[in-house]
C-alpha cells in the first residue's frame, strides 16, 4: 500500500479515494464495486479501514492511526451540529 495514499486518506479520505481511483491505484481488495462506490460517498473512512485491514492487517500501525482518526471524527461531528442547532433556536 502506498504511503501517499495512507497519509492523504488520513486527512482527506474521500478525495484520496477518488484521486487514486482515477489514476488506477486503488489497492486490490475484496469489496465489490457497488460497495466501494457507496462507502466512498457515505463512509470513506470505513472503506480505507477495510483496505488497510485487508492489505496490512489489523496489527499495522496505520490501521490503528486510521481507526483513532475515524473514532475522533465520527464521535465529534454530532457535537458541532448540536451546538450550532441550539444557537439558532435562541
Protein backbone atom coordinates (compact mmCIF):
# COMPACT_ATOMS: atom_id res chain seq x y z
CA UNK A 1 0.00 0.00 0.00
CA UNK A 2 1.34 3.41 -0.97
CA UNK A 3 2.37 5.77 1.86
CA UNK A 4 0.95 8.70 -0.11
CA UNK A 5 -2.47 7.04 -0.07
CA UNK A 6 -2.23 6.32 3.66
CA UNK A 7 -1.26 9.87 4.58
CA UNK A 8 -3.70 11.60 2.23
CA UNK A 9 -6.58 9.34 3.28
CA UNK A 10 -5.89 10.14 6.91
CA UNK A 11 -6.81 13.79 6.35
CA UNK A 12 -8.97 13.72 3.19
CA UNK A 13 -10.30 10.16 2.76
CA UNK A 14 -12.94 10.86 0.11
CA UNK A 15 -10.58 12.95 -2.02
CA UNK A 16 -7.83 10.33 -1.70
CA UNK A 17 -10.18 7.53 -2.79
CA UNK A 18 -11.39 9.48 -5.82
CA UNK A 19 -7.89 10.55 -6.89
CA UNK A 20 -6.48 7.05 -6.55
CA UNK A 21 -9.49 5.60 -8.37
CA UNK A 22 -8.90 7.84 -11.38
CA UNK A 23 -5.18 7.06 -11.55
CA UNK A 24 -5.99 3.33 -11.19
CA UNK A 25 -4.06 2.95 -7.95
CA UNK A 26 -6.79 1.69 -5.61
CA UNK A 27 -5.38 -1.27 -3.66
CA UNK A 28 -6.57 -4.79 -4.51
CA UNK A 29 -9.43 -5.75 -2.20
CA UNK A 30 -12.45 -8.00 -1.73
CA UNK A 31 -15.07 -5.24 -1.71
CA UNK A 32 -17.47 -5.30 -4.69
CA UNK A 33 -17.63 -2.17 -6.85
CA UNK A 34 -21.07 -1.11 -5.61
CA UNK A 35 -19.79 -1.38 -2.05
CA UNK A 36 -16.77 0.73 -2.91
CA UNK A 37 -18.96 3.35 -4.56
CA UNK A 38 -21.41 3.57 -1.65
CA UNK A 39 -18.73 3.56 1.02
CA UNK A 40 -16.73 6.22 -0.85
CA UNK A 41 -19.77 8.51 -0.83
CA UNK A 42 -21.16 7.81 2.65
CA UNK A 43 -18.39 6.30 4.85
CA UNK A 44 -14.99 6.81 3.22
CA UNK A 45 -13.02 6.25 6.44
CA UNK A 46 -14.61 2.81 6.83
CA UNK A 47 -13.57 1.89 3.29
CA UNK A 48 -10.00 2.99 3.97
CA UNK A 49 -10.01 0.89 7.15
CA UNK A 50 -11.21 -2.12 5.14
CA UNK A 51 -8.39 -1.59 2.63
CA UNK A 52 -5.79 -1.34 5.37
CA UNK A 53 -7.13 -4.38 7.23
CA UNK A 54 -7.12 -6.45 4.00
CA UNK A 55 -3.62 -5.49 2.91
CA UNK A 56 -1.61 -4.61 6.00
CA UNK A 57 -3.65 -6.41 8.65
CA UNK A 58 -5.12 -5.13 11.89
CA UNK A 59 -1.74 -5.23 13.61
CA UNK A 60 -0.42 -2.42 11.43
CA UNK A 61 0.25 0.97 12.98
CA UNK A 62 -1.57 2.59 10.06
CA UNK A 63 -4.73 0.64 10.89
CA UNK A 64 -4.75 1.92 14.46
CA UNK A 65 -3.97 5.51 13.42
CA UNK A 66 -6.85 5.49 10.92
CA UNK A 67 -9.18 3.83 13.43
CA UNK A 68 -8.39 6.51 16.03
CA UNK A 69 -8.98 9.25 13.43
CA UNK A 70 -12.31 7.69 12.43
CA UNK A 71 -13.46 7.46 16.05
CA UNK A 72 -12.50 11.08 16.70
CA UNK A 73 -14.25 12.33 13.56
CA UNK A 74 -17.41 10.27 13.97
CA UNK A 75 -17.78 10.92 17.71
CA UNK A 76 -17.11 14.66 17.49
CA UNK A 77 -19.17 15.60 14.46
CA UNK A 78 -22.52 15.32 16.25
CA UNK A 79 -21.47 17.76 18.99
CA UNK A 80 -20.75 20.51 16.46
CA UNK A 81 -24.18 20.35 14.87
CA UNK A 82 -25.98 20.12 18.23
CA UNK A 83 -24.19 23.27 19.39
CA UNK A 84 -24.98 25.07 16.14
CA UNK A 85 -28.64 23.99 16.28
CA UNK A 86 -29.00 25.29 19.85
CA UNK A 87 -27.53 28.69 18.87
CA UNK A 88 -30.07 29.01 16.07
CA UNK A 89 -33.01 28.31 18.40
CA UNK A 90 -32.01 31.05 20.86
